[in-house]
Amino acid sequence: MRHRPAFTLIEVLISIALLGIIMMGLFSVVSMMRDSNKQLLEHLKRAKSVTESTKVLYLDIIGSDGNLTIKKDEFARLCIEQTRNSLYGLSLAKVCWLVLKDKNTLVRVEGNGYSLPTRSEEQVEVDKVIQNIDLFDVYHQKDKVVVLIREKDKEPISFMVQGITKPKPRQGARQQDANTSRRNNRNNPRNLSNPGNSGTPSNPGTTKTNII
């Protein structure tokens, strides 16, 4: 009966050393793939977040009544007095988009009848949208609104919304009210000498919202 020669101790040690080198290389490759997948996942999440944010801003503008207030400083500040696009179930909402100094964070503020900066009694919802904003600018010319957004060290995002016209003041209605008041005064001269007369027409009140 023939006996097969066994491995020597040196051969076994060499095999173990080679296997260790191969395993180290495999672990290195697996670690690189894991980090790469993690970075890819974070990039996809960030890209999805930016896409959803720009979609919300687009819907805010296209659902507005055209009454947009744009203030320019280091970054633009966009306030939409009335929009049908509400994230909190409001029939009409006032929405402002602005960049906070804390990490240059772009935020969306939604509420009704508030002013900036907001007061303690005003109830608004603030959503953080994108951090590390390098550029946020808005232009409104005629019926076109152009928006530019750029994160630090990222490619800029831009889009344009058409058909957004500024609301015209109701000059005709005001002139008609003034003409009606003058006719009433001519037909009832006593109203001029008796201010307490209930027949004297009263001027309708107006409500103004100041944005700081």
N, C-alpha and C. Protein backbone atom coordinates (compact mmCIF):
# COMPACT_ATOMS: atom_id res chain seq x y z
N MET A 1 0.85 -1.19 0.00
CA MET A 1 0.00 0.00 0.00
C MET A 1 0.88 1.23 0.00
N ARG A 2 0.63 2.08 -0.98
CA ARG A 2 1.48 3.26 -1.12
C ARG A 2 0.97 4.36 -0.22
N HIS A 3 1.88 5.12 0.40
CA HIS A 3 1.55 6.26 1.27
C HIS A 3 1.84 7.56 0.52
N ARG A 4 0.81 8.51 0.49
CA ARG A 4 0.99 9.80 -0.17
C ARG A 4 1.80 10.70 0.74
N PRO A 5 2.74 11.43 0.20
CA PRO A 5 3.56 12.31 1.04
C PRO A 5 2.72 13.47 1.59
N ALA A 6 2.88 13.83 2.84
CA ALA A 6 2.13 14.92 3.48
C ALA A 6 2.83 16.25 3.23
N PHE A 7 2.08 17.36 3.50
CA PHE A 7 2.66 18.69 3.39
C PHE A 7 3.63 18.92 4.52
N THR A 8 4.68 19.60 4.18
CA THR A 8 5.62 19.97 5.24
C THR A 8 5.11 21.21 5.97
N LEU A 9 5.68 21.49 7.11
CA LEU A 9 5.27 22.64 7.91
C LEU A 9 5.50 23.95 7.16
N ILE A 10 6.59 24.02 6.41
CA ILE A 10 6.88 25.26 5.66
C ILE A 10 5.83 25.48 4.59
N GLU A 11 5.41 24.44 3.90
CA GLU A 11 4.37 24.57 2.87
C GLU A 11 3.05 25.04 3.47
N VAL A 12 2.73 24.50 4.63
CA VAL A 12 1.47 24.93 5.29
C VAL A 12 1.54 26.39 5.67
N LEU A 13 2.67 26.85 6.22
CA LEU A 13 2.81 28.26 6.61
C LEU A 13 2.73 29.17 5.40
N ILE A 14 3.39 28.75 4.31
CA ILE A 14 3.34 29.57 3.08
C ILE A 14 1.90 29.66 2.56
N SER A 15 1.15 28.55 2.61
CA SER A 15 -0.24 28.56 2.15
C SER A 15 -1.09 29.49 3.00
N ILE A 16 -0.86 29.45 4.31
CA ILE A 16 -1.63 30.33 5.21
C ILE A 16 -1.31 31.80 4.93
N ALA A 17 -0.02 32.10 4.70
CA ALA A 17 0.36 33.48 4.41
C ALA A 17 -0.27 33.97 3.11
N LEU A 18 -0.24 33.13 2.06
CA LEU A 18 -0.86 33.52 0.80
C LEU A 18 -2.37 33.71 0.94
N LEU A 19 -3.02 32.83 1.70
CA LEU A 19 -4.46 32.95 1.92
C LEU A 19 -4.78 34.24 2.67
N GLY A 20 -3.91 34.59 3.64
CA GLY A 20 -4.13 35.84 4.38
C GLY A 20 -4.03 37.06 3.47
N ILE A 21 -3.04 37.05 2.56
CA ILE A 21 -2.88 38.17 1.63
C ILE A 21 -4.11 38.28 0.72
N ILE A 22 -4.59 37.14 0.23
CA ILE A 22 -5.77 37.15 -0.65
C ILE A 22 -7.00 37.67 0.10
N MET A 23 -7.18 37.22 1.37
CA MET A 23 -8.34 37.66 2.16
C MET A 23 -8.29 39.15 2.43
N MET A 24 -7.07 39.66 2.69
CA MET A 24 -6.94 41.10 2.92
C MET A 24 -7.36 41.89 1.68
N GLY A 25 -6.96 41.41 0.51
CA GLY A 25 -7.36 42.07 -0.73
C GLY A 25 -8.86 42.01 -0.95
N LEU A 26 -9.48 40.86 -0.62
CA LEU A 26 -10.91 40.73 -0.78
C LEU A 26 -11.66 41.66 0.17
N PHE A 27 -11.22 41.72 1.42
CA PHE A 27 -11.86 42.62 2.39
C PHE A 27 -11.73 44.07 1.95
N SER A 28 -10.58 44.42 1.37
CA SER A 28 -10.38 45.78 0.89
C SER A 28 -11.35 46.11 -0.24
N VAL A 29 -11.53 45.18 -1.18
CA VAL A 29 -12.45 45.39 -2.29
C VAL A 29 -13.89 45.50 -1.80
N VAL A 30 -14.27 44.62 -0.86
CA VAL A 30 -15.64 44.66 -0.31
C VAL A 30 -15.89 45.97 0.42
N SER A 31 -14.90 46.46 1.18
CA SER A 31 -15.06 47.73 1.89
C SER A 31 -15.21 48.90 0.91
N MET A 32 -14.41 48.88 -0.16
CA MET A 32 -14.54 49.94 -1.16
C MET A 32 -15.91 49.91 -1.83
N MET A 33 -16.41 48.73 -2.14
CA MET A 33 -17.73 48.62 -2.76
C MET A 33 -18.81 49.10 -1.80
N ARG A 34 -18.67 48.78 -0.50
CA ARG A 34 -19.66 49.22 0.48
C ARG A 34 -19.67 50.74 0.59
N ASP A 35 -18.49 51.35 0.65
CA ASP A 35 -18.42 52.82 0.73
C ASP A 35 -18.97 53.46 -0.55
N SER A 36 -18.65 52.86 -1.69
CA SER A 36 -19.15 53.39 -2.94
C SER A 36 -20.67 53.33 -3.01
N ASN A 37 -21.24 52.22 -2.57
CA ASN A 37 -22.70 52.08 -2.56
C ASN A 37 -23.34 53.07 -1.59
N LYS A 38 -22.67 53.29 -0.45
CA LYS A 38 -23.20 54.25 0.52
C LYS A 38 -23.21 55.66 -0.04
N GLN A 39 -22.11 56.04 -0.70
CA GLN A 39 -22.05 57.37 -1.30
C GLN A 39 -23.08 57.51 -2.42
N LEU A 40 -23.25 56.46 -3.20
CA LEU A 40 -24.24 56.50 -4.28
C LEU A 40 -25.65 56.64 -3.71
N LEU A 41 -25.93 55.94 -2.62
CA LEU A 41 -27.25 56.03 -1.99
C LEU A 41 -27.50 57.43 -1.45
N GLU A 42 -26.48 58.01 -0.80
CA GLU A 42 -26.63 59.37 -0.29
C GLU A 42 -26.84 60.36 -1.43
N HIS A 43 -26.11 60.18 -2.53
CA HIS A 43 -26.27 61.06 -3.68
C HIS A 43 -27.68 60.94 -4.26
N LEU A 44 -28.20 59.72 -4.35
CA LEU A 44 -29.54 59.53 -4.88
C LEU A 44 -30.59 60.15 -3.96
N LYS A 45 -30.39 59.98 -2.64
CA LYS A 45 -31.33 60.59 -1.70
C LYS A 45 -31.31 62.10 -1.82
N ARG A 46 -30.11 62.69 -1.91
CA ARG A 46 -29.99 64.14 -2.04
C ARG A 46 -30.60 64.62 -3.35
N ALA A 47 -30.34 63.89 -4.42
CA ALA A 47 -30.92 64.28 -5.71
C ALA A 47 -32.43 64.18 -5.70
N LYS A 48 -32.96 63.14 -5.05
CA LYS A 48 -34.41 63.00 -4.93
C LYS A 48 -35.00 64.13 -4.11
N SER A 49 -34.32 64.49 -3.00
CA SER A 49 -34.79 65.58 -2.16
C SER A 49 -34.81 66.90 -2.92
N VAL A 50 -33.74 67.17 -3.69
CA VAL A 50 -33.68 68.41 -4.48
C VAL A 50 -34.77 68.42 -5.54
N THR A 51 -34.99 67.28 -6.19
CA THR A 51 -36.03 67.19 -7.22
C THR A 51 -37.41 67.46 -6.62
N GLU A 52 -37.70 66.84 -5.47
CA GLU A 52 -38.99 67.05 -4.83
C GLU A 52 -39.15 68.51 -4.39
N SER A 53 -38.06 69.12 -3.90
CA SER A 53 -38.13 70.51 -3.44
C SER A 53 -38.42 71.45 -4.60
N THR A 54 -37.71 71.26 -5.71
CA THR A 54 -37.96 72.12 -6.87
C THR A 54 -39.37 71.90 -7.42
N LYS A 55 -39.88 70.68 -7.30
CA LYS A 55 -41.25 70.42 -7.74
C LYS A 55 -42.25 71.18 -6.88
N VAL A 56 -42.03 71.20 -5.55
CA VAL A 56 -42.92 71.94 -4.65
C VAL A 56 -42.86 73.44 -4.96
N LEU A 57 -41.65 73.97 -5.18
CA LEU A 57 -41.51 75.39 -5.51
C LEU A 57 -42.21 75.70 -6.83
N TYR A 58 -42.08 74.82 -7.82
CA TYR A 58 -42.74 75.01 -9.10
C TYR A 58 -44.26 75.05 -8.92
N LEU A 59 -44.81 74.11 -8.12
CA LEU A 59 -46.25 74.08 -7.89
C LEU A 59 -46.72 75.28 -7.09
N ASP A 60 -45.88 75.77 -6.16
CA ASP A 60 -46.23 76.99 -5.42
C ASP A 60 -46.41 78.17 -6.37
N ILE A 61 -45.49 78.29 -7.31
CA ILE A 61 -45.54 79.44 -8.24
C ILE A 61 -46.68 79.30 -9.23
N ILE A 62 -46.84 78.12 -9.82
CA ILE A 62 -47.85 77.95 -10.85
C ILE A 62 -49.26 77.99 -10.26
N GLY A 63 -49.39 77.72 -8.97
CA GLY A 63 -50.70 77.77 -8.32
C GLY A 63 -51.00 79.11 -7.68
N SER A 64 -50.13 80.11 -7.90
CA SER A 64 -50.30 81.41 -7.26
C SER A 64 -51.25 82.29 -8.05
N ASP A 65 -51.63 83.42 -7.41
CA ASP A 65 -52.48 84.40 -8.08
C ASP A 65 -51.65 85.45 -8.82
N GLY A 66 -50.34 85.25 -8.87
CA GLY A 66 -49.45 86.19 -9.56
C GLY A 66 -48.90 87.28 -8.67
N ASN A 67 -49.36 87.36 -7.42
CA ASN A 67 -48.89 88.39 -6.49
C ASN A 67 -47.63 87.87 -5.80
N LEU A 68 -46.48 88.08 -6.44
CA LEU A 68 -45.20 87.61 -5.93
C LEU A 68 -44.39 88.80 -5.44
N THR A 69 -43.76 88.64 -4.29
CA THR A 69 -42.87 89.66 -3.75
C THR A 69 -41.46 89.08 -3.70
N ILE A 70 -40.53 89.74 -4.39
CA ILE A 70 -39.14 89.28 -4.45
C ILE A 70 -38.25 90.35 -3.86
N LYS A 71 -37.48 89.98 -2.84
CA LYS A 71 -36.51 90.90 -2.24
C LYS A 71 -35.12 90.33 -2.44
N LYS A 72 -34.20 91.19 -2.83
CA LYS A 72 -32.84 90.75 -3.14
C LYS A 72 -31.90 91.23 -2.04
N ASP A 73 -31.09 90.30 -1.54
CA ASP A 73 -30.01 90.61 -0.61
C ASP A 73 -28.86 89.70 -1.02
N GLU A 74 -28.22 89.06 -0.06
CA GLU A 74 -27.22 88.05 -0.43
C GLU A 74 -27.89 86.92 -1.21
N PHE A 75 -29.11 86.58 -0.76
CA PHE A 75 -29.94 85.62 -1.48
C PHE A 75 -31.30 86.27 -1.73
N ALA A 76 -32.02 85.75 -2.69
CA ALA A 76 -33.36 86.27 -2.95
C ALA A 76 -34.34 85.71 -1.91
N ARG A 77 -35.41 86.47 -1.68
CA ARG A 77 -36.50 86.03 -0.83
C ARG A 77 -37.78 86.13 -1.63
N LEU A 78 -38.45 84.99 -1.79
CA LEU A 78 -39.67 84.93 -2.58
C LEU A 78 -40.86 84.69 -1.67
N CYS A 79 -41.86 85.59 -1.74
CA CYS A 79 -43.10 85.42 -0.98
C CYS A 79 -44.26 85.39 -1.97
N ILE A 80 -45.07 84.36 -1.85
CA ILE A 80 -46.26 84.18 -2.68
C ILE A 80 -47.47 84.44 -1.79
N GLU A 81 -48.20 85.51 -2.07
CA GLU A 81 -49.28 85.91 -1.17
C GLU A 81 -50.39 84.88 -1.11
N GLN A 82 -50.73 84.27 -2.24
CA GLN A 82 -51.78 83.25 -2.26
C GLN A 82 -51.42 82.18 -3.28
N THR A 83 -51.43 80.93 -2.82
CA THR A 83 -51.19 79.80 -3.72
C THR A 83 -52.12 78.67 -3.34
N ARG A 84 -52.55 77.93 -4.34
CA ARG A 84 -53.43 76.78 -4.10
C ARG A 84 -52.64 75.54 -3.68
N ASN A 85 -51.32 75.59 -3.80
CA ASN A 85 -50.48 74.45 -3.44
C ASN A 85 -50.12 74.52 -1.97
N SER A 86 -50.83 73.78 -1.16
CA SER A 86 -50.59 73.76 0.29
C SER A 86 -50.17 72.35 0.72
N LEU A 87 -49.14 72.28 1.56
CA LEU A 87 -48.71 70.99 2.10
C LEU A 87 -49.42 70.66 3.40
N TYR A 88 -50.28 71.56 3.88
CA TYR A 88 -50.93 71.38 5.19
C TYR A 88 -52.43 71.58 5.11
N GLY A 89 -53.01 71.33 3.94
CA GLY A 89 -54.46 71.29 3.82
C GLY A 89 -55.16 72.63 3.79
N LEU A 90 -54.45 73.71 3.51
CA LEU A 90 -55.08 75.02 3.44
C LEU A 90 -55.64 75.23 2.03
N SER A 91 -56.83 75.88 1.97
CA SER A 91 -57.41 76.15 0.65
C SER A 91 -56.56 77.16 -0.11
N LEU A 92 -56.11 78.20 0.57
CA LEU A 92 -55.18 79.18 0.02
C LEU A 92 -54.12 79.45 1.09
N ALA A 93 -52.88 79.48 0.69
CA ALA A 93 -51.79 79.65 1.66
C ALA A 93 -50.83 80.72 1.19
N LYS A 94 -50.24 81.41 2.16
CA LYS A 94 -49.12 82.30 1.86
C LYS A 94 -47.84 81.51 2.08
N VAL A 95 -46.96 81.53 1.08
CA VAL A 95 -45.73 80.73 1.13
C VAL A 95 -44.54 81.64 0.85
N CYS A 96 -43.51 81.51 1.67
CA CYS A 96 -42.26 82.25 1.46
C CYS A 96 -41.10 81.26 1.38
N TRP A 97 -40.21 81.51 0.44
CA TRP A 97 -38.98 80.74 0.29
C TRP A 97 -37.81 81.69 0.58
N LEU A 98 -36.95 81.31 1.52
CA LEU A 98 -35.81 82.15 1.88
C LEU A 98 -34.67 81.28 2.39
N VAL A 99 -33.49 81.87 2.43
CA VAL A 99 -32.28 81.16 2.87
C VAL A 99 -31.89 81.68 4.25
N LEU A 100 -31.80 80.77 5.23
CA LEU A 100 -31.37 81.12 6.58
C LEU A 100 -29.85 81.13 6.65
N LYS A 101 -29.32 81.91 7.59
CA LYS A 101 -27.87 81.98 7.74
C LYS A 101 -27.30 80.69 8.33
N ASP A 102 -28.10 79.95 9.07
CA ASP A 102 -27.65 78.69 9.66
C ASP A 102 -27.41 77.67 8.55
N LYS A 103 -26.15 77.43 8.23
CA LYS A 103 -25.74 76.47 7.20
C LYS A 103 -26.32 76.81 5.83
N ASN A 104 -26.66 78.10 5.63
CA ASN A 104 -27.24 78.52 4.35
C ASN A 104 -28.36 77.57 3.92
N THR A 105 -29.34 77.42 4.80
CA THR A 105 -30.42 76.46 4.59
C THR A 105 -31.60 77.13 3.90
N LEU A 106 -32.02 76.56 2.77
CA LEU A 106 -33.22 77.03 2.08
C LEU A 106 -34.43 76.43 2.79
N VAL A 107 -35.38 77.30 3.20
CA VAL A 107 -36.56 76.85 3.93
C VAL A 107 -37.82 77.33 3.21
N ARG A 108 -38.90 76.63 3.48
CA ARG A 108 -40.24 77.00 2.98
C ARG A 108 -41.14 77.28 4.16
N VAL A 109 -41.75 78.45 4.17
CA VAL A 109 -42.62 78.88 5.27
C VAL A 109 -44.04 78.97 4.73
N GLU A 110 -44.97 78.26 5.37
CA GLU A 110 -46.37 78.27 4.93
C GLU A 110 -47.28 78.69 6.08
N GLY A 111 -48.25 79.51 5.75
CA GLY A 111 -49.22 79.96 6.75
C GLY A 111 -50.25 80.87 6.09
N ASN A 112 -50.87 81.71 6.93
CA ASN A 112 -51.86 82.66 6.44
C ASN A 112 -51.69 83.98 7.17
N GLY A 113 -51.58 85.07 6.41
CA GLY A 113 -51.57 86.39 6.99
C GLY A 113 -50.39 86.69 7.90
N TYR A 114 -49.24 86.07 7.70
CA TYR A 114 -48.08 86.34 8.55
C TYR A 114 -47.14 87.30 7.84
N SER A 115 -46.18 87.81 8.58
CA SER A 115 -45.16 88.69 8.02
C SER A 115 -43.79 88.17 8.45
N LEU A 116 -42.76 88.58 7.76
CA LEU A 116 -41.40 88.17 8.07
C LEU A 116 -40.61 89.35 8.62
N PRO A 117 -39.90 89.21 9.72
CA PRO A 117 -39.83 88.00 10.56
C PRO A 117 -41.15 87.75 11.28
N THR A 118 -41.44 86.47 11.51
CA THR A 118 -42.73 86.10 12.10
C THR A 118 -42.76 86.49 13.58
N ARG A 119 -43.98 86.79 14.05
CA ARG A 119 -44.20 87.11 15.46
C ARG A 119 -44.60 85.85 16.21
N SER A 120 -44.54 85.92 17.54
CA SER A 120 -44.79 84.73 18.36
C SER A 120 -46.21 84.23 18.23
N GLU A 121 -47.18 85.14 17.99
CA GLU A 121 -48.58 84.71 17.90
C GLU A 121 -48.95 84.17 16.53
N GLU A 122 -48.07 84.29 15.55
CA GLU A 122 -48.37 83.81 14.21
C GLU A 122 -48.00 82.33 14.08
N GLN A 123 -48.91 81.57 13.51
CA GLN A 123 -48.70 80.13 13.35
C GLN A 123 -48.30 79.83 11.91
N VAL A 124 -47.10 79.31 11.75
CA VAL A 124 -46.59 78.96 10.43
C VAL A 124 -45.91 77.59 10.51
N GLU A 125 -45.76 76.99 9.36
CA GLU A 125 -45.03 75.73 9.24
C GLU A 125 -43.76 75.98 8.44
N VAL A 126 -42.61 75.58 9.01
CA VAL A 126 -41.32 75.82 8.39
C VAL A 126 -40.69 74.46 8.03
N ASP A 127 -40.37 74.29 6.76
CA ASP A 127 -39.74 73.06 6.29
C ASP A 127 -38.34 73.37 5.77
N LYS A 128 -37.34 72.67 6.31
CA LYS A 128 -35.98 72.79 5.79
C LYS A 128 -35.88 71.99 4.50
N VAL A 129 -35.37 72.63 3.47
CA VAL A 129 -35.38 72.03 2.14
C VAL A 129 -33.98 71.57 1.74
N ILE A 130 -33.04 72.50 1.59
CA ILE A 130 -31.69 72.17 1.12
C ILE A 130 -30.70 72.97 1.95
N GLN A 131 -29.59 72.34 2.34
CA GLN A 131 -28.52 73.02 3.07
C GLN A 131 -27.37 73.36 2.11
N ASN A 132 -26.48 74.22 2.62
CA ASN A 132 -25.29 74.64 1.87
C ASN A 132 -25.66 75.27 0.53
N ILE A 133 -26.64 76.17 0.57
CA ILE A 133 -27.05 76.86 -0.64
C ILE A 133 -26.01 77.92 -1.00
N ASP A 134 -25.58 77.90 -2.24
CA ASP A 134 -24.61 78.87 -2.73
C ASP A 134 -25.28 79.97 -3.55
N LEU A 135 -26.45 79.63 -4.14
CA LEU A 135 -27.18 80.60 -4.97
C LEU A 135 -28.66 80.28 -4.91
N PHE A 136 -29.46 81.32 -4.63
CA PHE A 136 -30.92 81.23 -4.74
C PHE A 136 -31.41 82.56 -5.25
N ASP A 137 -31.88 82.57 -6.49
CA ASP A 137 -32.29 83.82 -7.12
C ASP A 137 -33.57 83.58 -7.89
N VAL A 138 -34.43 84.62 -7.90
CA VAL A 138 -35.72 84.55 -8.58
C VAL A 138 -35.91 85.83 -9.37
N TYR A 139 -36.40 85.68 -10.60
CA TYR A 139 -36.69 86.83 -11.47
C TYR A 139 -38.13 86.71 -11.97
N HIS A 140 -38.84 87.84 -11.96
CA HIS A 140 -40.21 87.88 -12.46
C HIS A 140 -40.32 89.00 -13.47
N GLN A 141 -40.40 88.63 -14.75
CA GLN A 141 -40.50 89.58 -15.84
C GLN A 141 -41.74 89.26 -16.65
N LYS A 142 -42.67 90.23 -16.73
CA LYS A 142 -43.93 90.06 -17.47
C LYS A 142 -44.66 88.84 -16.94
N ASP A 143 -44.79 87.78 -17.76
CA ASP A 143 -45.52 86.60 -17.30
C ASP A 143 -44.59 85.42 -17.04
N LYS A 144 -43.29 85.68 -16.90
CA LYS A 144 -42.31 84.60 -16.73
C LYS A 144 -41.62 84.73 -15.38
N VAL A 145 -41.44 83.60 -14.71
CA VAL A 145 -40.71 83.53 -13.44
C VAL A 145 -39.56 82.55 -13.64
N VAL A 146 -38.33 83.01 -13.39
CA VAL A 146 -37.14 82.18 -13.53
C VAL A 146 -36.52 81.96 -12.14
N VAL A 147 -36.21 80.72 -11.83
CA VAL A 147 -35.65 80.36 -10.53
C VAL A 147 -34.29 79.69 -10.73
N LEU A 148 -33.30 80.12 -9.95
CA LEU A 148 -31.95 79.54 -9.98
C LEU A 148 -31.60 79.05 -8.57
N ILE A 149 -31.19 77.80 -8.47
CA ILE A 149 -30.79 77.20 -7.19
C ILE A 149 -29.48 76.46 -7.40
N ARG A 150 -28.53 76.67 -6.48
CA ARG A 150 -27.25 75.95 -6.58
C ARG A 150 -26.73 75.63 -5.20
N GLU A 151 -26.43 74.35 -4.99
CA GLU A 151 -25.74 73.94 -3.77
C GLU A 151 -24.24 74.17 -3.93
N LYS A 152 -23.55 74.23 -2.82
CA LYS A 152 -22.11 74.43 -2.86
C LYS A 152 -21.44 73.25 -3.55
N ASP A 153 -20.59 73.55 -4.53
CA ASP A 153 -19.84 72.55 -5.29
C ASP A 153 -20.75 71.60 -6.06
N LYS A 154 -21.96 72.06 -6.41
CA LYS A 154 -22.89 71.24 -7.19
C LYS A 154 -23.30 72.00 -8.46
N GLU A 155 -23.86 71.26 -9.38
CA GLU A 155 -24.36 71.88 -10.60
C GLU A 155 -25.63 72.67 -10.28
N PRO A 156 -25.81 73.85 -10.89
CA PRO A 156 -27.00 74.65 -10.61
C PRO A 156 -28.26 74.03 -11.20
N ILE A 157 -29.38 74.35 -10.59
CA ILE A 157 -30.70 73.91 -11.06
C ILE A 157 -31.49 75.16 -11.43
N SER A 158 -32.12 75.15 -12.57
CA SER A 158 -32.91 76.30 -13.00
C SER A 158 -34.16 75.82 -13.71
N PHE A 159 -35.23 76.59 -13.58
CA PHE A 159 -36.44 76.31 -14.32
C PHE A 159 -37.22 77.61 -14.49
N MET A 160 -38.14 77.60 -15.45
CA MET A 160 -38.94 78.79 -15.75
C MET A 160 -40.41 78.42 -15.76
N VAL A 161 -41.22 79.29 -15.18
CA VAL A 161 -42.68 79.12 -15.16
C VAL A 161 -43.28 80.26 -15.98
N GLN A 162 -44.14 79.93 -16.92
CA GLN A 162 -44.78 80.93 -17.76
C GLN A 162 -46.25 81.09 -17.38
N GLY A 163 -46.80 82.24 -17.75
CA GLY A 163 -48.22 82.49 -17.51
C GLY A 163 -48.52 83.05 -16.14
N ILE A 164 -47.50 83.55 -15.43
CA ILE A 164 -47.71 84.12 -14.09
C ILE A 164 -47.75 85.65 -14.24
N THR A 165 -48.94 86.19 -14.34
CA THR A 165 -49.11 87.64 -14.52
C THR A 165 -49.46 88.30 -13.20
N LYS A 166 -48.96 89.49 -13.00
CA LYS A 166 -49.25 90.23 -11.79
C LYS A 166 -50.70 90.69 -11.79
N PRO A 167 -51.40 90.60 -10.64
CA PRO A 167 -52.80 91.03 -10.60
C PRO A 167 -52.91 92.54 -10.82
N LYS A 168 -53.91 92.94 -11.60
CA LYS A 168 -54.12 94.36 -11.87
C LYS A 168 -54.96 94.98 -10.75
N PRO A 169 -54.62 96.22 -10.34
CA PRO A 169 -55.43 96.89 -9.32
C PRO A 169 -56.83 97.16 -9.82
N ARG A 170 -57.78 97.13 -8.92
CA ARG A 170 -59.18 97.30 -9.28
C ARG A 170 -59.53 98.78 -9.35
N GLN A 171 -58.97 99.47 -10.32
CA GLN A 171 -59.23 100.90 -10.47
C GLN A 171 -60.66 101.16 -10.89
N GLY A 172 -61.21 100.30 -11.74
CA GLY A 172 -62.57 100.51 -12.20
C GLY A 172 -63.58 100.44 -11.08
N ALA A 173 -63.39 99.48 -10.17
CA ALA A 173 -64.31 99.36 -9.05
C ALA A 173 -64.22 100.56 -8.13
N ARG A 174 -62.98 101.05 -7.87
CA ARG A 174 -62.83 102.20 -7.01
C ARG A 174 -63.47 103.44 -7.63
N GLN A 175 -63.29 103.62 -8.95
CA GLN A 175 -63.87 104.78 -9.62
C GLN A 175 -65.39 104.72 -9.59
N GLN A 176 -65.95 103.51 -9.74
CA GLN A 176 -67.40 103.35 -9.70
C GLN A 176 -67.94 103.68 -8.32
N ASP A 177 -67.25 103.26 -7.25
CA ASP A 177 -67.68 103.59 -5.90
C ASP A 177 -67.64 105.09 -5.67
N ALA A 178 -66.59 105.76 -6.18
CA ALA A 178 -66.49 107.21 -5.99
C ALA A 178 -67.60 107.93 -6.73
N ASN A 179 -67.93 107.50 -7.96
CA ASN A 179 -69.02 108.12 -8.71
C ASN A 179 -70.36 107.91 -8.02
N THR A 180 -70.59 106.72 -7.47
CA THR A 180 -71.84 106.46 -6.76
C THR A 180 -71.96 107.35 -5.53
N SER A 181 -70.83 107.54 -4.80
CA SER A 181 -70.85 108.40 -3.62
C SER A 181 -71.17 109.83 -3.99
N ARG A 182 -70.61 110.36 -5.10
CA ARG A 182 -70.89 111.73 -5.50
C ARG A 182 -72.35 111.90 -5.91
N ARG A 183 -72.92 110.91 -6.62
CA ARG A 183 -74.32 111.00 -7.01
C ARG A 183 -75.24 111.00 -5.80
N ASN A 184 -74.91 110.19 -4.79
CA ASN A 184 -75.74 110.15 -3.59
C ASN A 184 -75.69 111.48 -2.85
N ASN A 185 -74.51 112.10 -2.82
CA ASN A 185 -74.39 113.38 -2.14
C ASN A 185 -75.16 114.47 -2.87
N ARG A 186 -75.19 114.43 -4.19
CA ARG A 186 -75.95 115.43 -4.95
C ARG A 186 -77.44 115.23 -4.77
N ASN A 187 -77.87 113.98 -4.70
CA ASN A 187 -79.30 113.71 -4.54
C ASN A 187 -79.78 113.96 -3.12
N ASN A 188 -78.90 113.87 -2.14
CA ASN A 188 -79.26 114.08 -0.73
C ASN A 188 -78.33 115.12 -0.13
N PRO A 189 -78.62 116.43 -0.35
CA PRO A 189 -77.72 117.46 0.16
C PRO A 189 -77.62 117.46 1.67
N ARG A 190 -78.65 116.95 2.37
CA ARG A 190 -78.60 116.98 3.83
C ARG A 190 -77.49 116.09 4.39
N ASN A 191 -77.09 115.11 3.62
CA ASN A 191 -76.03 114.22 4.09
C ASN A 191 -74.72 114.96 4.29
N LEU A 192 -74.52 116.08 3.53
CA LEU A 192 -73.27 116.82 3.65
C LEU A 192 -73.21 117.60 4.94
N SER A 193 -74.38 118.08 5.41
CA SER A 193 -74.39 118.86 6.64
C SER A 193 -74.61 118.03 7.87
N ASN A 194 -74.98 116.76 7.70
CA ASN A 194 -75.23 115.89 8.84
C ASN A 194 -74.40 114.63 8.70
N PRO A 195 -73.16 114.68 9.18
CA PRO A 195 -72.29 113.51 8.97
C PRO A 195 -72.80 112.26 9.64
N GLY A 196 -73.63 112.39 10.68
CA GLY A 196 -74.10 111.20 11.39
C GLY A 196 -75.24 110.50 10.70
N ASN A 197 -75.71 111.07 9.57
CA ASN A 197 -76.81 110.44 8.85
C ASN A 197 -76.39 109.06 8.37
N SER A 198 -77.29 108.07 8.60
CA SER A 198 -76.95 106.69 8.23
C SER A 198 -76.93 106.50 6.73
N GLY A 199 -77.46 107.48 5.98
CA GLY A 199 -77.46 107.32 4.53
C GLY A 199 -76.15 107.66 3.89
N THR A 200 -75.20 108.21 4.65
CA THR A 200 -73.90 108.56 4.09
C THR A 200 -73.12 107.30 3.78
N PRO A 201 -72.69 107.15 2.56
CA PRO A 201 -71.94 105.93 2.22
C PRO A 201 -70.60 105.92 2.94
N SER A 202 -70.17 104.76 3.33
CA SER A 202 -68.89 104.60 4.03
C SER A 202 -67.90 103.96 3.09
N ASN A 203 -66.62 104.32 3.26
CA ASN A 203 -65.57 103.76 2.43
C ASN A 203 -65.21 102.37 2.93
N PRO A 204 -65.08 101.43 2.05
CA PRO A 204 -64.70 100.06 2.48
C PRO A 204 -63.30 100.06 3.02
N GLY A 205 -63.05 99.25 4.05
CA GLY A 205 -61.72 99.17 4.66
C GLY A 205 -60.81 98.29 3.84
N THR A 206 -59.55 98.50 3.99
CA THR A 206 -58.57 97.69 3.29
C THR A 206 -57.62 97.08 4.29
N THR A 207 -57.13 95.93 3.98
CA THR A 207 -56.19 95.23 4.85
C THR A 207 -54.86 95.11 4.14
N LYS A 208 -53.80 95.50 4.78
CA LYS A 208 -52.47 95.44 4.17
C LYS A 208 -51.59 94.49 4.97
N THR A 209 -50.77 93.73 4.27
CA THR A 209 -49.80 92.84 4.90
C THR A 209 -48.41 93.34 4.61
N ASN A 210 -47.68 93.69 5.67
CA ASN A 210 -46.32 94.22 5.50
C ASN A 210 -45.33 93.07 5.59
N ILE A 211 -44.41 93.00 4.65
CA ILE A 211 -43.35 91.99 4.63
C ILE A 211 -42.05 92.69 4.87
N ILE A 212 -41.37 92.32 5.92
CA ILE A 212 -40.09 92.95 6.27
C ILE A 212 -38.98 92.27 5.50
